[in-house]
Amino acid sequence: EHTVEGRILSYRSETRSLQIHNEWGRFQI
């Protein structure tokens, strides 16, 4: 398990993932 903290930018339905932005960049979870 890992902890990711940041603001959620969007939900991508085609990949069923959240796009999160924090100080290290953008991530898709």
Full PDB file with SEQRES, HELIX, SHEET, SSBOND, CRYST1, ORIGX, SCALE, CONECT and MASTER records, all heavy atoms in Angstrom:
SEQRES   1 A   29  GLU HIS THR VAL GLU GLY ARG ILE LEU SER TYR ARG SER          
SEQRES   2 A   29  GLU THR ARG SER LEU GLN ILE HIS ASN GLU TRP GLY ARG          
SEQRES   3 A   29  PHE GLN ILE                                                  
SHEET    1 AA1 3 ARG A   7  ARG A  12  0                                        
SHEET    2 AA1 3 SER A  17  ASN A  22 -1                                        
SHEET    3 AA1 3 GLY A  25  GLN A  28 -1                                        
CRYST1    1.000    1.000    1.000  90.00  90.00  90.00 P 1           1          
ORIGX1      1.000000  0.000000  0.000000        0.00000                         
ORIGX2      0.000000  1.000000  0.000000        0.00000                         
ORIGX3      0.000000  0.000000  1.000000        0.00000                         
SCALE1      1.000000  0.000000  0.000000        0.00000                         
SCALE2      0.000000  1.000000  0.000000        0.00000                         
SCALE3      0.000000  0.000000  1.000000        0.00000                         
ATOM      1  N   GLU A   1       0.839  -1.203   0.000  1.00  0.00           N  
ATOM      2  CA  GLU A   1       0.000   0.000   0.000  1.00  0.00           C  
ATOM      3  C   GLU A   1       0.869   1.246   0.000  1.00  0.00           C  
ATOM      4  O   GLU A   1       1.905   1.293   0.656  1.00  0.00           O  
ATOM      5  CB  GLU A   1      -0.911   0.001   1.228  1.00  0.00           C  
ATOM      6  CG  GLU A   1      -1.949  -1.089   1.201  1.00  0.00           C  
ATOM      7  CD  GLU A   1      -2.898  -1.039   2.388  1.00  0.00           C  
ATOM      8  OE1 GLU A   1      -2.724  -0.189   3.282  1.00  0.00           O  
ATOM      9  OE2 GLU A   1      -3.817  -1.860   2.409  1.00  0.00           O  
ATOM     10  N   HIS A   2       0.406   2.254  -0.739  1.00  0.00           N  
ATOM     11  CA  HIS A   2       1.097   3.534  -0.825  1.00  0.00           C  
ATOM     12  C   HIS A   2       0.095   4.652  -0.579  1.00  0.00           C  
ATOM     13  O   HIS A   2      -1.083   4.506  -0.903  1.00  0.00           O  
ATOM     14  CB  HIS A   2       1.737   3.727  -2.205  1.00  0.00           C  
ATOM     15  CG  HIS A   2       2.678   2.643  -2.583  1.00  0.00           C  
ATOM     16  ND1 HIS A   2       3.957   2.574  -2.095  1.00  0.00           N  
ATOM     17  CD2 HIS A   2       2.527   1.564  -3.384  1.00  0.00           C  
ATOM     18  CE1 HIS A   2       4.551   1.509  -2.584  1.00  0.00           C  
ATOM     19  NE2 HIS A   2       3.702   0.874  -3.370  1.00  0.00           N  
ATOM     20  N   THR A   3       0.561   5.755  -0.050  1.00  0.00           N  
ATOM     21  CA  THR A   3      -0.290   6.913   0.179  1.00  0.00           C  
ATOM     22  C   THR A   3       0.005   7.962  -0.880  1.00  0.00           C  
ATOM     23  O   THR A   3       1.162   8.294  -1.121  1.00  0.00           O  
ATOM     24  CB  THR A   3      -0.026   7.509   1.577  1.00  0.00           C  
ATOM     25  OG1 THR A   3      -0.240   6.496   2.549  1.00  0.00           O  
ATOM     26  CG2 THR A   3      -0.950   8.677   1.851  1.00  0.00           C  
ATOM     27  N   VAL A   4      -1.055   8.466  -1.504  1.00  0.00           N  
ATOM     28  CA  VAL A   4      -0.932   9.529  -2.496  1.00  0.00           C  
ATOM     29  C   VAL A   4      -1.808  10.680  -2.017  1.00  0.00           C  
ATOM     30  O   VAL A   4      -2.975  10.489  -1.699  1.00  0.00           O  
ATOM     31  CB  VAL A   4      -1.397   9.063  -3.894  1.00  0.00           C  
ATOM     32  CG1 VAL A   4      -1.311  10.200  -4.893  1.00  0.00           C  
ATOM     33  CG2 VAL A   4      -0.582   7.876  -4.350  1.00  0.00           C  
ATOM     34  N   GLU A   5      -1.233  11.866  -1.964  1.00  0.00           N  
ATOM     35  CA  GLU A   5      -1.983  13.036  -1.525  1.00  0.00           C  
ATOM     36  C   GLU A   5      -1.934  14.090  -2.616  1.00  0.00           C  
ATOM     37  O   GLU A   5      -0.878  14.344  -3.190  1.00  0.00           O  
ATOM     38  CB  GLU A   5      -1.389  13.588  -0.232  1.00  0.00           C  
ATOM     39  CG  GLU A   5      -2.213  14.690   0.376  1.00  0.00           C  
ATOM     40  CD  GLU A   5      -1.719  15.075   1.763  1.00  0.00           C  
ATOM     41  OE1 GLU A   5      -0.770  14.460   2.265  1.00  0.00           O  
ATOM     42  OE2 GLU A   5      -2.299  16.011   2.324  1.00  0.00           O  
ATOM     43  N   GLY A   6      -3.072  14.684  -2.909  1.00  0.00           N  
ATOM     44  CA  GLY A   6      -3.124  15.724  -3.919  1.00  0.00           C  
ATOM     45  C   GLY A   6      -4.549  16.092  -4.281  1.00  0.00           C  
ATOM     46  O   GLY A   6      -5.504  15.590  -3.693  1.00  0.00           O  
ATOM     47  N   ARG A   7      -4.687  16.981  -5.255  1.00  0.00           N  
ATOM     48  CA  ARG A   7      -6.002  17.411  -5.731  1.00  0.00           C  
ATOM     49  C   ARG A   7      -6.425  16.538  -6.905  1.00  0.00           C  
ATOM     50  O   ARG A   7      -5.633  16.244  -7.785  1.00  0.00           O  
ATOM     51  CB  ARG A   7      -5.957  18.864  -6.170  1.00  0.00           C  
ATOM     52  CG  ARG A   7      -5.913  19.817  -5.010  1.00  0.00           C  
ATOM     53  CD  ARG A   7      -6.121  21.255  -5.491  1.00  0.00           C  
ATOM     54  NE  ARG A   7      -6.383  22.145  -4.403  1.00  0.00           N  
ATOM     55  CZ  ARG A   7      -5.484  22.528  -3.501  1.00  0.00           C  
ATOM     56  NH1 ARG A   7      -4.267  22.060  -3.569  1.00  0.00           N  
ATOM     57  NH2 ARG A   7      -5.806  23.356  -2.541  1.00  0.00           N  
ATOM     58  N   ILE A   8      -7.680  16.162  -6.913  1.00  0.00           N  
ATOM     59  CA  ILE A   8      -8.210  15.361  -8.007  1.00  0.00           C  
ATOM     60  C   ILE A   8      -8.599  16.295  -9.133  1.00  0.00           C  
ATOM     61  O   ILE A   8      -9.422  17.201  -8.956  1.00  0.00           O  
ATOM     62  CB  ILE A   8      -9.412  14.528  -7.542  1.00  0.00           C  
ATOM     63  CG1 ILE A   8      -8.952  13.576  -6.447  1.00  0.00           C  
ATOM     64  CG2 ILE A   8     -10.013  13.767  -8.713  1.00  0.00           C  
ATOM     65  CD1 ILE A   8     -10.058  12.801  -5.812  1.00  0.00           C  
ATOM     66  N   LEU A   9      -8.002  16.102 -10.293  1.00  0.00           N  
ATOM     67  CA  LEU A   9      -8.284  16.945 -11.444  1.00  0.00           C  
ATOM     68  C   LEU A   9      -9.466  16.432 -12.241  1.00  0.00           C  
ATOM     69  O   LEU A   9     -10.307  17.205 -12.683  1.00  0.00           O  
ATOM     70  CB  LEU A   9      -7.053  17.041 -12.353  1.00  0.00           C  
ATOM     71  CG  LEU A   9      -5.799  17.634 -11.723  1.00  0.00           C  
ATOM     72  CD1 LEU A   9      -4.658  17.603 -12.718  1.00  0.00           C  
ATOM     73  CD2 LEU A   9      -6.064  19.048 -11.253  1.00  0.00           C  
ATOM     74  N   SER A  10      -9.509  15.112 -12.453  1.00  0.00           N  
ATOM     75  CA  SER A  10     -10.596  14.573 -13.281  1.00  0.00           C  
ATOM     76  C   SER A  10     -10.733  13.075 -13.074  1.00  0.00           C  
ATOM     77  O   SER A  10      -9.868  12.426 -12.504  1.00  0.00           O  
ATOM     78  CB  SER A  10     -10.328  14.856 -14.758  1.00  0.00           C  
ATOM     79  OG  SER A  10      -9.169  14.164 -15.183  1.00  0.00           O  
ATOM     80  N   TYR A  11     -11.859  12.585 -13.561  1.00  0.00           N  
ATOM     81  CA  TYR A  11     -12.104  11.145 -13.606  1.00  0.00           C  
ATOM     82  C   TYR A  11     -12.121  10.751 -15.066  1.00  0.00           C  
ATOM     83  O   TYR A  11     -12.833  11.340 -15.871  1.00  0.00           O  
ATOM     84  CB  TYR A  11     -13.439  10.800 -12.945  1.00  0.00           C  
ATOM     85  CG  TYR A  11     -13.860   9.368 -13.187  1.00  0.00           C  
ATOM     86  CD1 TYR A  11     -13.206   8.332 -12.547  1.00  0.00           C  
ATOM     87  CD2 TYR A  11     -14.884   9.059 -14.064  1.00  0.00           C  
ATOM     88  CE1 TYR A  11     -13.569   7.012 -12.762  1.00  0.00           C  
ATOM     89  CE2 TYR A  11     -15.256   7.741 -14.293  1.00  0.00           C  
ATOM     90  CZ  TYR A  11     -14.595   6.727 -13.638  1.00  0.00           C  
ATOM     91  OH  TYR A  11     -14.954   5.427 -13.867  1.00  0.00           O  
ATOM     92  N   ARG A  12     -11.326   9.762 -15.428  1.00  0.00           N  
ATOM     93  CA  ARG A  12     -11.266   9.298 -16.815  1.00  0.00           C  
ATOM     94  C   ARG A  12     -12.039   7.980 -16.922  1.00  0.00           C  
ATOM     95  O   ARG A  12     -11.582   6.954 -16.443  1.00  0.00           O  
ATOM     96  CB  ARG A  12      -9.827   9.127 -17.259  1.00  0.00           C  
ATOM     97  CG  ARG A  12      -9.056  10.433 -17.235  1.00  0.00           C  
ATOM     98  CD  ARG A  12      -7.656  10.236 -17.755  1.00  0.00           C  
ATOM     99  NE  ARG A  12      -6.961  11.491 -17.756  1.00  0.00           N  
ATOM    100  CZ  ARG A  12      -6.821  12.256 -18.838  1.00  0.00           C  
ATOM    101  NH1 ARG A  12      -7.324  11.873 -19.977  1.00  0.00           N  
ATOM    102  NH2 ARG A  12      -6.173  13.386 -18.756  1.00  0.00           N  
ATOM    103  N   SER A  13     -13.196   8.060 -17.558  1.00  0.00           N  
ATOM    104  CA  SER A  13     -14.063   6.881 -17.634  1.00  0.00           C  
ATOM    105  C   SER A  13     -13.501   5.804 -18.559  1.00  0.00           C  
ATOM    106  O   SER A  13     -13.723   4.618 -18.320  1.00  0.00           O  
ATOM    107  CB  SER A  13     -15.463   7.286 -18.086  1.00  0.00           C  
ATOM    108  OG  SER A  13     -15.406   7.919 -19.334  1.00  0.00           O  
ATOM    109  N   GLU A  14     -12.761   6.195 -19.595  1.00  0.00           N  
ATOM    110  CA  GLU A  14     -12.223   5.189 -20.519  1.00  0.00           C  
ATOM    111  C   GLU A  14     -11.193   4.285 -19.853  1.00  0.00           C  
ATOM    112  O   GLU A  14     -11.062   3.122 -20.202  1.00  0.00           O  
ATOM    113  CB  GLU A  14     -11.653   5.832 -21.788  1.00  0.00           C  
ATOM    114  CG  GLU A  14     -10.440   6.719 -21.577  1.00  0.00           C  
ATOM    115  CD  GLU A  14     -10.770   8.169 -21.244  1.00  0.00           C  
ATOM    116  OE1 GLU A  14     -11.955   8.500 -21.142  1.00  0.00           O  
ATOM    117  OE2 GLU A  14      -9.824   8.946 -21.081  1.00  0.00           O  
ATOM    118  N   THR A  15     -10.451   4.803 -18.880  1.00  0.00           N  
ATOM    119  CA  THR A  15      -9.472   3.991 -18.162  1.00  0.00           C  
ATOM    120  C   THR A  15      -9.911   3.699 -16.724  1.00  0.00           C  
ATOM    121  O   THR A  15      -9.184   3.026 -16.001  1.00  0.00           O  
ATOM    122  CB  THR A  15      -8.105   4.699 -18.117  1.00  0.00           C  
ATOM    123  OG1 THR A  15      -8.260   5.974 -17.480  1.00  0.00           O  
ATOM    124  CG2 THR A  15      -7.529   4.875 -19.501  1.00  0.00           C  
ATOM    125  N   ARG A  16     -11.066   4.222 -16.332  1.00  0.00           N  
ATOM    126  CA  ARG A  16     -11.582   4.086 -14.964  1.00  0.00           C  
ATOM    127  C   ARG A  16     -10.505   4.465 -13.949  1.00  0.00           C  
ATOM    128  O   ARG A  16     -10.116   3.679 -13.087  1.00  0.00           O  
ATOM    129  CB  ARG A  16     -12.107   2.686 -14.698  1.00  0.00           C  
ATOM    130  CG  ARG A  16     -13.354   2.334 -15.465  1.00  0.00           C  
ATOM    131  CD  ARG A  16     -13.947   0.999 -15.072  1.00  0.00           C  
ATOM    132  NE  ARG A  16     -13.896   0.695 -13.645  1.00  0.00           N  
ATOM    133  CZ  ARG A  16     -14.833   1.018 -12.741  1.00  0.00           C  
ATOM    134  NH1 ARG A  16     -15.905   1.665 -13.115  1.00  0.00           N  
ATOM    135  NH2 ARG A  16     -14.693   0.683 -11.470  1.00  0.00           N  
ATOM    136  N   SER A  17     -10.005   5.693 -14.090  1.00  0.00           N  
ATOM    137  CA  SER A  17      -8.941   6.157 -13.196  1.00  0.00           C  
ATOM    138  C   SER A  17      -9.144   7.621 -12.833  1.00  0.00           C  
ATOM    139  O   SER A  17      -9.830   8.369 -13.532  1.00  0.00           O  
ATOM    140  CB  SER A  17      -7.579   5.970 -13.857  1.00  0.00           C  
ATOM    141  OG  SER A  17      -7.493   6.739 -15.027  1.00  0.00           O  
ATOM    142  N   LEU A  18      -8.536   8.001 -11.709  1.00  0.00           N  
ATOM    143  CA  LEU A  18      -8.542   9.397 -11.262  1.00  0.00           C  
ATOM    144  C   LEU A  18      -7.224  10.030 -11.653  1.00  0.00           C  
ATOM    145  O   LEU A  18      -6.167   9.411 -11.548  1.00  0.00           O  
ATOM    146  CB  LEU A  18      -8.674   9.465  -9.742  1.00  0.00           C  
ATOM    147  CG  LEU A  18      -9.963   8.962  -9.126  1.00  0.00           C  
ATOM    148  CD1 LEU A  18      -9.839   8.994  -7.603  1.00  0.00           C  
ATOM    149  CD2 LEU A  18     -11.136   9.799  -9.574  1.00  0.00           C  
ATOM    150  N   GLN A  19      -7.296  11.277 -12.081  1.00  0.00           N  
ATOM    151  CA  GLN A  19      -6.070  12.024 -12.358  1.00  0.00           C  
ATOM    152  C   GLN A  19      -5.843  12.949 -11.175  1.00  0.00           C  
ATOM    153  O   GLN A  19      -6.700  13.776 -10.857  1.00  0.00           O  
ATOM    154  CB  GLN A  19      -6.171  12.808 -13.650  1.00  0.00           C  
ATOM    155  CG  GLN A  19      -4.870  13.468 -14.019  1.00  0.00           C  
ATOM    156  CD  GLN A  19      -4.936  14.133 -15.375  1.00  0.00           C  
ATOM    157  OE1 GLN A  19      -5.995  14.460 -15.858  1.00  0.00           O  
ATOM    158  NE2 GLN A  19      -3.785  14.345 -15.959  1.00  0.00           N  
ATOM    159  N   ILE A  20      -4.699  12.798 -10.514  1.00  0.00           N  
ATOM    160  CA  ILE A  20      -4.374  13.550  -9.304  1.00  0.00           C  
ATOM    161  C   ILE A  20      -3.131  14.392  -9.550  1.00  0.00           C  
ATOM    162  O   ILE A  20      -2.185  13.954 -10.204  1.00  0.00           O  
ATOM    163  CB  ILE A  20      -4.144  12.590  -8.126  1.00  0.00           C  
ATOM    164  CG1 ILE A  20      -5.448  11.880  -7.816  1.00  0.00           C  
ATOM    165  CG2 ILE A  20      -3.617  13.320  -6.914  1.00  0.00           C  
ATOM    166  CD1 ILE A  20      -5.367  10.939  -6.658  1.00  0.00           C  
ATOM    167  N   HIS A  21      -3.153  15.602  -9.008  1.00  0.00           N  
ATOM    168  CA  HIS A  21      -2.020  16.517  -9.154  1.00  0.00           C  
ATOM    169  C   HIS A  21      -1.492  16.850  -7.761  1.00  0.00           C  
ATOM    170  O   HIS A  21      -2.249  17.190  -6.857  1.00  0.00           O  
ATOM    171  CB  HIS A  21      -2.459  17.794  -9.868  1.00  0.00           C  
ATOM    172  CG  HIS A  21      -1.373  18.813  -9.965  1.00  0.00           C  
ATOM    173  ND1 HIS A  21      -0.316  18.682 -10.831  1.00  0.00           N  
ATOM    174  CD2 HIS A  21      -1.178  19.967  -9.297  1.00  0.00           C  
ATOM    175  CE1 HIS A  21       0.480  19.722 -10.693  1.00  0.00           C  
ATOM    176  NE2 HIS A  21      -0.021  20.521  -9.767  1.00  0.00           N  
ATOM    177  N   ASN A  22      -0.166  16.731  -7.598  1.00  0.00           N  
ATOM    178  CA  ASN A  22       0.486  17.186  -6.369  1.00  0.00           C  
ATOM    179  C   ASN A  22       1.842  17.787  -6.727  1.00  0.00           C  
ATOM    180  O   ASN A  22       2.117  18.024  -7.907  1.00  0.00           O  
ATOM    181  CB  ASN A  22       0.596  16.054  -5.331  1.00  0.00           C  
ATOM    182  CG  ASN A  22       1.418  14.876  -5.809  1.00  0.00           C  
ATOM    183  OD1 ASN A  22       2.201  14.981  -6.743  1.00  0.00           O  
ATOM    184  ND2 ASN A  22       1.244  13.741  -5.165  1.00  0.00           N  
ATOM    185  N   GLU A  23       2.687  18.020  -5.729  1.00  0.00           N  
ATOM    186  CA  GLU A  23       3.953  18.707  -5.994  1.00  0.00           C  
ATOM    187  C   GLU A  23       4.905  17.906  -6.867  1.00  0.00           C  
ATOM    188  O   GLU A  23       5.857  18.451  -7.415  1.00  0.00           O  
ATOM    189  CB  GLU A  23       4.641  19.107  -4.682  1.00  0.00           C  
ATOM    190  CG  GLU A  23       5.033  17.956  -3.796  1.00  0.00           C  
ATOM    191  CD  GLU A  23       3.992  17.638  -2.728  1.00  0.00           C  
ATOM    192  OE1 GLU A  23       2.861  18.104  -2.821  1.00  0.00           O  
ATOM    193  OE2 GLU A  23       4.344  16.895  -1.805  1.00  0.00           O  
ATOM    194  N   TRP A  24       4.697  16.595  -7.021  1.00  0.00           N  
ATOM    195  CA  TRP A  24       5.573  15.771  -7.857  1.00  0.00           C  
ATOM    196  C   TRP A  24       5.060  15.611  -9.277  1.00  0.00           C  
ATOM    197  O   TRP A  24       5.715  14.992 -10.098  1.00  0.00           O  
ATOM    198  CB  TRP A  24       5.772  14.394  -7.234  1.00  0.00           C  
ATOM    199  CG  TRP A  24       6.538  14.472  -5.953  1.00  0.00           C  
ATOM    200  CD1 TRP A  24       7.847  14.785  -5.793  1.00  0.00           C  
ATOM    201  CD2 TRP A  24       6.022  14.257  -4.657  1.00  0.00           C  
ATOM    202  NE1 TRP A  24       8.185  14.775  -4.474  1.00  0.00           N  
ATOM    203  CE2 TRP A  24       7.076  14.453  -3.741  1.00  0.00           C  
ATOM    204  CE3 TRP A  24       4.770  13.925  -4.149  1.00  0.00           C  
ATOM    205  CZ2 TRP A  24       6.922  14.318  -2.371  1.00  0.00           C  
ATOM    206  CZ3 TRP A  24       4.619  13.793  -2.787  1.00  0.00           C  
ATOM    207  CH2 TRP A  24       5.694  13.992  -1.923  1.00  0.00           C  
ATOM    208  N   GLY A  25       3.884  16.112  -9.566  1.00  0.00           N  
ATOM    209  CA  GLY A  25       3.350  16.004 -10.911  1.00  0.00           C  
ATOM    210  C   GLY A  25       1.935  15.463 -10.927  1.00  0.00           C  
ATOM    211  O   GLY A  25       1.199  15.570  -9.957  1.00  0.00           O  
ATOM    212  N   ARG A  26       1.570  14.885 -12.079  1.00  0.00           N  
ATOM    213  CA  ARG A  26       0.230  14.321 -12.252  1.00  0.00           C  
ATOM    214  C   ARG A  26       0.322  12.806 -12.301  1.00  0.00           C  
ATOM    215  O   ARG A  26       1.216  12.252 -12.922  1.00  0.00           O  
ATOM    216  CB  ARG A  26      -0.397  14.825 -13.547  1.00  0.00           C  
ATOM    217  CG  ARG A  26      -0.710  16.284 -13.490  1.00  0.00           C  
ATOM    218  CD  ARG A  26      -1.386  16.728 -14.744  1.00  0.00           C  
ATOM    219  NE  ARG A  26      -1.619  18.164 -14.652  1.00  0.00           N  
ATOM    220  CZ  ARG A  26      -2.472  18.807 -15.389  1.00  0.00           C  
ATOM    221  NH1 ARG A  26      -3.152  18.175 -16.315  1.00  0.00           N  
ATOM    222  NH2 ARG A  26      -2.645  20.094 -15.229  1.00  0.00           N  
ATOM    223  N   PHE A  27      -0.659  12.182 -11.643  1.00  0.00           N  
ATOM    224  CA  PHE A  27      -0.699  10.728 -11.577  1.00  0.00           C  
ATOM    225  C   PHE A  27      -2.078  10.240 -11.962  1.00  0.00           C  
ATOM    226  O   PHE A  27      -3.070  10.910 -11.725  1.00  0.00           O  
ATOM    227  CB  PHE A  27      -0.398  10.230 -10.153  1.00  0.00           C  
ATOM    228  CG  PHE A  27       0.921  10.674  -9.633  1.00  0.00           C  
ATOM    229  CD1 PHE A  27       1.033  11.814  -8.852  1.00  0.00           C  
ATOM    230  CD2 PHE A  27       2.065   9.956  -9.925  1.00  0.00           C  
ATOM    231  CE1 PHE A  27       2.248  12.226  -8.367  1.00  0.00           C  
ATOM    232  CE2 PHE A  27       3.286  10.361  -9.437  1.00  0.00           C  
ATOM    233  CZ  PHE A  27       3.384  11.504  -8.659  1.00  0.00           C  
ATOM    234  N   GLN A  28      -2.131   9.054 -12.535  1.00  0.00           N  
ATOM    235  CA  GLN A  28      -3.410   8.400 -12.778  1.00  0.00           C  
ATOM    236  C   GLN A  28      -3.483   7.187 -11.868  1.00  0.00           C  
ATOM    237  O   GLN A  28      -2.580   6.346 -11.862  1.00  0.00           O  
ATOM    238  CB  GLN A  28      -3.546   7.977 -14.234  1.00  0.00           C  
ATOM    239  CG  GLN A  28      -3.799   9.160 -15.134  1.00  0.00           C  
ATOM    240  CD  GLN A  28      -4.357   8.719 -16.473  1.00  0.00           C  
ATOM    241  OE1 GLN A  28      -4.832   7.617 -16.629  1.00  0.00           O  
ATOM    242  NE2 GLN A  28      -4.285   9.618 -17.431  1.00  0.00           N  
ATOM    243  N   ILE A  29      -4.557   7.118 -11.092  1.00  0.00           N  
ATOM    244  CA  ILE A  29      -4.745   6.021 -10.156  1.00  0.00           C  
ATOM    245  C   ILE A  29      -5.980   5.244 -10.573  1.00  0.00           C  
ATOM    246  O   ILE A  29      -7.082   5.794 -10.603  1.00  0.00           O  
ATOM    247  CB  ILE A  29      -4.919   6.552  -8.721  1.00  0.00           C  
ATOM    248  CG1 ILE A  29      -3.665   7.300  -8.295  1.00  0.00           C  
ATOM    249  CG2 ILE A  29      -5.233   5.409  -7.768  1.00  0.00           C  
ATOM    250  CD1 ILE A  29      -3.778   7.962  -6.964  1.00  0.00           C  
TER     251      ILE A  29                                                      
MASTER        0    0    0    0    3    0    0    6  250    1    0    3          
END                                                                             
